[in-house]
Amino acid sequence: MTKDEEMAEEYVNNQGKDNILDFGENHIDVSFIKREAFLEGLNAGRPKWHKVADGDLPEEEAEYFVIFESDGTLYRGLESYYPDTKEWSTICKIIAWCEIPKFEEE
């Protein structure tokens, strides 16, 4: 079980009696629905990593978080991508990338 799944189980267990909906003679356990909704909420707030080897490249010119390889060692950093030329701003081998999250200012 992953850490996320453990957190989801803990959330559902803390709901207690609220996990059972009572419809007279019928009782519905909604634990599974609450667990899946909790996991979806976690994933919605996390950036998704894309594997370059799968041909999954950005569509927009922008700066991205990247994992790149140099001399056999993996590093992380920021790099720009240019979709017109399908090139990164570095000469290193980009392994994976993800969007930089945008936060609303309050």
N, C-alpha and C. Protein backbone atom coordinates (compact mmCIF):
# COMPACT_ATOMS: atom_id res chain seq x y z
N MET A 1 0.86 -1.18 0.00
CA MET A 1 0.00 0.00 0.00
C MET A 1 0.90 1.24 0.00
N THR A 2 0.60 2.19 -0.88
CA THR A 2 1.39 3.41 -0.95
C THR A 2 1.03 4.35 0.19
N LYS A 3 1.86 5.36 0.39
CA LYS A 3 1.59 6.37 1.42
C LYS A 3 0.27 7.08 1.15
N ASP A 4 -0.01 7.37 -0.12
CA ASP A 4 -1.28 8.02 -0.48
C ASP A 4 -2.46 7.12 -0.10
N GLU A 5 -2.35 5.82 -0.39
CA GLU A 5 -3.42 4.90 -0.06
C GLU A 5 -3.61 4.78 1.45
N GLU A 6 -2.51 4.82 2.19
CA GLU A 6 -2.61 4.79 3.65
C GLU A 6 -3.34 6.03 4.17
N MET A 7 -3.02 7.19 3.59
CA MET A 7 -3.71 8.43 4.01
C MET A 7 -5.20 8.36 3.67
N ALA A 8 -5.53 7.79 2.51
CA ALA A 8 -6.93 7.66 2.11
C ALA A 8 -7.68 6.74 3.07
N GLU A 9 -7.05 5.61 3.44
CA GLU A 9 -7.67 4.68 4.38
C GLU A 9 -7.90 5.35 5.74
N GLU A 10 -6.91 6.11 6.19
CA GLU A 10 -7.05 6.81 7.47
C GLU A 10 -8.19 7.81 7.41
N TYR A 11 -8.30 8.53 6.29
CA TYR A 11 -9.39 9.50 6.13
C TYR A 11 -10.74 8.80 6.21
N VAL A 12 -10.89 7.70 5.47
CA VAL A 12 -12.15 6.98 5.45
C VAL A 12 -12.47 6.41 6.83
N ASN A 13 -11.47 5.84 7.49
CA ASN A 13 -11.69 5.26 8.82
C ASN A 13 -12.11 6.32 9.83
N ASN A 14 -11.61 7.54 9.69
CA ASN A 14 -11.97 8.62 10.60
C ASN A 14 -13.39 9.13 10.35
N GLN A 15 -13.98 8.76 9.22
CA GLN A 15 -15.35 9.17 8.92
C GLN A 15 -16.37 8.36 9.74
N GLY A 16 -15.94 7.16 10.18
CA GLY A 16 -16.79 6.33 11.04
C GLY A 16 -18.15 6.02 10.45
N LYS A 17 -19.21 6.34 11.23
CA LYS A 17 -20.59 5.99 10.82
C LYS A 17 -21.02 6.72 9.56
N ASP A 18 -20.33 7.80 9.20
CA ASP A 18 -20.70 8.54 7.99
C ASP A 18 -20.38 7.76 6.71
N ASN A 19 -19.73 6.60 6.84
CA ASN A 19 -19.42 5.78 5.67
C ASN A 19 -20.59 4.91 5.25
N ILE A 20 -21.63 4.82 6.08
CA ILE A 20 -22.80 4.00 5.76
C ILE A 20 -24.00 4.92 5.55
N LEU A 21 -24.59 4.84 4.35
CA LEU A 21 -25.81 5.59 4.08
C LEU A 21 -26.99 4.66 4.34
N ASP A 22 -27.97 5.12 5.09
CA ASP A 22 -29.11 4.31 5.49
C ASP A 22 -30.33 4.73 4.69
N PHE A 23 -30.85 3.79 3.89
CA PHE A 23 -32.06 4.03 3.11
C PHE A 23 -33.14 3.05 3.55
N GLY A 24 -33.55 3.16 4.80
CA GLY A 24 -34.56 2.23 5.33
C GLY A 24 -33.97 0.85 5.47
N GLU A 25 -34.44 -0.09 4.63
CA GLU A 25 -33.93 -1.46 4.70
C GLU A 25 -32.59 -1.60 4.00
N ASN A 26 -32.23 -0.66 3.17
CA ASN A 26 -30.98 -0.73 2.42
C ASN A 26 -29.90 0.13 3.07
N HIS A 27 -28.71 -0.43 3.15
CA HIS A 27 -27.56 0.28 3.69
C HIS A 27 -26.46 0.24 2.63
N ILE A 28 -25.89 1.39 2.34
CA ILE A 28 -24.84 1.45 1.32
C ILE A 28 -23.55 1.94 1.96
N ASP A 29 -22.51 1.14 1.79
CA ASP A 29 -21.18 1.51 2.29
C ASP A 29 -20.50 2.38 1.23
N VAL A 30 -20.22 3.62 1.56
CA VAL A 30 -19.62 4.55 0.60
C VAL A 30 -18.12 4.74 0.86
N SER A 31 -17.53 3.84 1.64
CA SER A 31 -16.09 3.94 1.95
C SER A 31 -15.25 3.97 0.68
N PHE A 32 -15.56 3.07 -0.27
CA PHE A 32 -14.78 3.00 -1.50
C PHE A 32 -14.85 4.32 -2.28
N ILE A 33 -16.04 4.89 -2.36
CA ILE A 33 -16.23 6.16 -3.09
C ILE A 33 -15.42 7.27 -2.42
N LYS A 34 -15.47 7.34 -1.10
CA LYS A 34 -14.72 8.37 -0.37
C LYS A 34 -13.22 8.17 -0.54
N ARG A 35 -12.78 6.91 -0.52
CA ARG A 35 -11.35 6.61 -0.68
C ARG A 35 -10.86 7.07 -2.06
N GLU A 36 -11.61 6.72 -3.11
CA GLU A 36 -11.22 7.10 -4.46
C GLU A 36 -11.25 8.62 -4.65
N ALA A 37 -12.24 9.28 -4.07
CA ALA A 37 -12.33 10.74 -4.17
C ALA A 37 -11.14 11.39 -3.47
N PHE A 38 -10.73 10.84 -2.33
CA PHE A 38 -9.57 11.36 -1.60
C PHE A 38 -8.32 11.24 -2.47
N LEU A 39 -8.12 10.07 -3.08
CA LEU A 39 -6.94 9.85 -3.93
C LEU A 39 -6.96 10.78 -5.15
N GLU A 40 -8.13 10.97 -5.76
CA GLU A 40 -8.24 11.87 -6.91
C GLU A 40 -7.88 13.30 -6.50
N GLY A 41 -8.31 13.70 -5.33
CA GLY A 41 -7.99 15.04 -4.83
C GLY A 41 -6.49 15.21 -4.63
N LEU A 42 -5.83 14.19 -4.11
CA LEU A 42 -4.37 14.26 -3.95
C LEU A 42 -3.68 14.42 -5.30
N ASN A 43 -4.09 13.62 -6.25
CA ASN A 43 -3.45 13.64 -7.57
C ASN A 43 -3.72 14.92 -8.34
N ALA A 44 -4.87 15.54 -8.11
CA ALA A 44 -5.21 16.76 -8.83
C ALA A 44 -4.27 17.90 -8.49
N GLY A 45 -3.74 17.89 -7.27
CA GLY A 45 -2.87 18.98 -6.85
C GLY A 45 -1.39 18.74 -7.10
N ARG A 46 -1.06 17.64 -7.75
CA ARG A 46 0.35 17.31 -7.99
C ARG A 46 0.67 17.41 -9.47
N PRO A 47 1.87 17.89 -9.78
CA PRO A 47 2.23 17.95 -11.19
C PRO A 47 2.43 16.55 -11.76
N LYS A 48 2.11 16.40 -13.04
CA LYS A 48 2.26 15.12 -13.71
C LYS A 48 3.58 15.11 -14.47
N TRP A 49 4.39 14.08 -14.24
CA TRP A 49 5.65 13.93 -14.96
C TRP A 49 5.41 13.23 -16.28
N HIS A 50 6.09 13.70 -17.33
CA HIS A 50 5.97 13.15 -18.68
C HIS A 50 7.30 12.55 -19.09
N LYS A 51 7.28 11.35 -19.67
CA LYS A 51 8.50 10.69 -20.11
C LYS A 51 8.81 11.07 -21.56
N VAL A 52 9.97 11.64 -21.77
CA VAL A 52 10.39 12.05 -23.12
C VAL A 52 10.54 10.83 -24.02
N ALA A 53 11.01 9.70 -23.49
CA ALA A 53 11.19 8.48 -24.28
C ALA A 53 9.88 8.00 -24.90
N ASP A 54 8.75 8.36 -24.28
CA ASP A 54 7.44 7.99 -24.82
C ASP A 54 6.97 8.97 -25.89
N GLY A 55 7.80 9.97 -26.20
CA GLY A 55 7.41 10.99 -27.18
C GLY A 55 6.49 12.04 -26.61
N ASP A 56 6.36 12.08 -25.31
CA ASP A 56 5.48 13.02 -24.63
C ASP A 56 6.23 14.33 -24.39
N LEU A 57 6.08 15.28 -25.30
CA LEU A 57 6.80 16.56 -25.22
C LEU A 57 5.82 17.71 -25.02
N PRO A 58 6.28 18.81 -24.44
CA PRO A 58 5.38 19.97 -24.24
C PRO A 58 4.87 20.52 -25.56
N GLU A 59 3.70 21.13 -25.52
CA GLU A 59 3.13 21.75 -26.71
C GLU A 59 3.39 23.25 -26.75
N GLU A 60 3.75 23.83 -25.60
CA GLU A 60 3.95 25.27 -25.53
C GLU A 60 5.40 25.61 -25.21
N GLU A 61 5.86 26.74 -25.76
CA GLU A 61 7.19 27.23 -25.40
C GLU A 61 7.11 27.80 -24.00
N ALA A 62 7.88 27.22 -23.11
CA ALA A 62 7.86 27.66 -21.71
C ALA A 62 9.03 27.02 -20.98
N GLU A 63 9.13 27.35 -19.70
CA GLU A 63 10.12 26.74 -18.84
C GLU A 63 9.44 25.61 -18.05
N TYR A 64 10.13 24.49 -17.87
CA TYR A 64 9.58 23.31 -17.22
C TYR A 64 10.57 22.75 -16.21
N PHE A 65 10.03 22.03 -15.21
CA PHE A 65 10.88 21.22 -14.34
C PHE A 65 11.34 20.04 -15.18
N VAL A 66 12.59 19.65 -15.06
CA VAL A 66 13.10 18.51 -15.82
C VAL A 66 13.98 17.62 -14.97
N ILE A 67 14.07 16.36 -15.38
CA ILE A 67 15.08 15.42 -14.90
C ILE A 67 15.97 15.18 -16.12
N PHE A 68 17.27 15.42 -15.96
CA PHE A 68 18.16 15.22 -17.11
C PHE A 68 19.37 14.41 -16.70
N GLU A 69 20.01 13.82 -17.71
CA GLU A 69 21.18 12.98 -17.47
C GLU A 69 22.41 13.66 -18.03
N SER A 70 23.48 13.65 -17.26
CA SER A 70 24.77 14.19 -17.70
C SER A 70 25.86 13.30 -17.13
N ASP A 71 26.68 12.75 -17.99
CA ASP A 71 27.77 11.86 -17.58
C ASP A 71 27.29 10.70 -16.71
N GLY A 72 26.11 10.16 -17.04
CA GLY A 72 25.58 9.00 -16.32
C GLY A 72 24.91 9.31 -15.01
N THR A 73 24.81 10.59 -14.64
CA THR A 73 24.17 10.98 -13.38
C THR A 73 22.88 11.75 -13.69
N LEU A 74 21.83 11.48 -12.90
CA LEU A 74 20.56 12.19 -13.06
C LEU A 74 20.53 13.43 -12.19
N TYR A 75 20.01 14.51 -12.77
CA TYR A 75 19.87 15.79 -12.08
C TYR A 75 18.46 16.31 -12.32
N ARG A 76 18.08 17.29 -11.53
CA ARG A 76 16.81 17.98 -11.77
C ARG A 76 17.10 19.46 -11.93
N GLY A 77 16.24 20.12 -12.66
CA GLY A 77 16.45 21.54 -12.89
C GLY A 77 15.31 22.16 -13.66
N LEU A 78 15.55 23.35 -14.18
CA LEU A 78 14.59 24.07 -15.01
C LEU A 78 15.19 24.24 -16.39
N GLU A 79 14.39 23.96 -17.40
CA GLU A 79 14.84 24.13 -18.78
C GLU A 79 13.69 24.67 -19.62
N SER A 80 14.04 25.40 -20.66
CA SER A 80 13.04 25.88 -21.61
C SER A 80 12.90 24.88 -22.74
N TYR A 81 11.68 24.79 -23.27
CA TYR A 81 11.42 23.91 -24.42
C TYR A 81 10.86 24.76 -25.56
N TYR A 82 11.31 24.45 -26.79
CA TYR A 82 10.90 25.18 -27.99
C TYR A 82 10.21 24.20 -28.93
N PRO A 83 8.87 24.20 -28.96
CA PRO A 83 8.14 23.21 -29.76
C PRO A 83 8.37 23.34 -31.26
N ASP A 84 8.67 24.54 -31.74
CA ASP A 84 8.90 24.70 -33.19
C ASP A 84 10.10 23.89 -33.66
N THR A 85 11.15 23.85 -32.85
CA THR A 85 12.36 23.11 -33.21
C THR A 85 12.47 21.78 -32.46
N LYS A 86 11.53 21.55 -31.53
CA LYS A 86 11.53 20.35 -30.68
C LYS A 86 12.86 20.18 -29.95
N GLU A 87 13.33 21.28 -29.39
CA GLU A 87 14.61 21.27 -28.67
C GLU A 87 14.45 21.89 -27.29
N TRP A 88 15.28 21.38 -26.38
CA TRP A 88 15.40 21.95 -25.04
C TRP A 88 16.54 22.94 -25.03
N SER A 89 16.60 23.78 -24.03
CA SER A 89 17.64 24.81 -23.94
C SER A 89 18.97 24.26 -23.44
N THR A 90 19.05 22.97 -23.21
CA THR A 90 20.28 22.36 -22.72
C THR A 90 20.80 21.32 -23.72
N ILE A 91 22.06 20.98 -23.61
CA ILE A 91 22.59 19.93 -24.47
C ILE A 91 22.52 18.57 -23.78
N CYS A 92 22.07 18.56 -22.52
CA CYS A 92 21.96 17.30 -21.77
C CYS A 92 20.73 16.52 -22.23
N LYS A 93 20.70 15.25 -21.91
CA LYS A 93 19.59 14.38 -22.26
C LYS A 93 18.46 14.54 -21.24
N ILE A 94 17.33 15.09 -21.70
CA ILE A 94 16.16 15.26 -20.84
C ILE A 94 15.43 13.92 -20.75
N ILE A 95 15.21 13.45 -19.52
CA ILE A 95 14.55 12.16 -19.28
C ILE A 95 13.04 12.36 -19.09
N ALA A 96 12.67 13.36 -18.30
CA ALA A 96 11.26 13.62 -17.99
C ALA A 96 11.07 15.10 -17.70
N TRP A 97 9.82 15.55 -17.81
CA TRP A 97 9.51 16.96 -17.56
C TRP A 97 8.11 17.06 -16.94
N CYS A 98 7.86 18.18 -16.27
CA CYS A 98 6.51 18.48 -15.79
C CYS A 98 6.31 19.99 -15.77
N GLU A 99 5.06 20.38 -15.82
CA GLU A 99 4.70 21.79 -15.79
C GLU A 99 5.04 22.39 -14.43
N ILE A 100 5.38 23.65 -14.43
CA ILE A 100 5.58 24.37 -13.18
C ILE A 100 4.19 24.79 -12.70
N PRO A 101 3.78 24.38 -11.50
CA PRO A 101 2.44 24.75 -11.03
C PRO A 101 2.27 26.26 -10.94
N LYS A 102 1.07 26.69 -11.26
CA LYS A 102 0.73 28.11 -11.14
C LYS A 102 -0.17 28.28 -9.93
N PHE A 103 0.13 29.26 -9.12
CA PHE A 103 -0.66 29.51 -7.92
C PHE A 103 -1.36 30.85 -8.04
N GLU A 104 -2.60 30.87 -7.59
CA GLU A 104 -3.35 32.12 -7.61
C GLU A 104 -2.90 32.98 -6.44
N GLU A 105 -2.71 34.28 -6.72
CA GLU A 105 -2.34 35.19 -5.65
C GLU A 105 -3.62 35.62 -4.92
N GLU A 106 -3.51 35.72 -3.62
CA GLU A 106 -4.68 36.12 -2.84
C GLU A 106 -4.69 37.59 -2.60
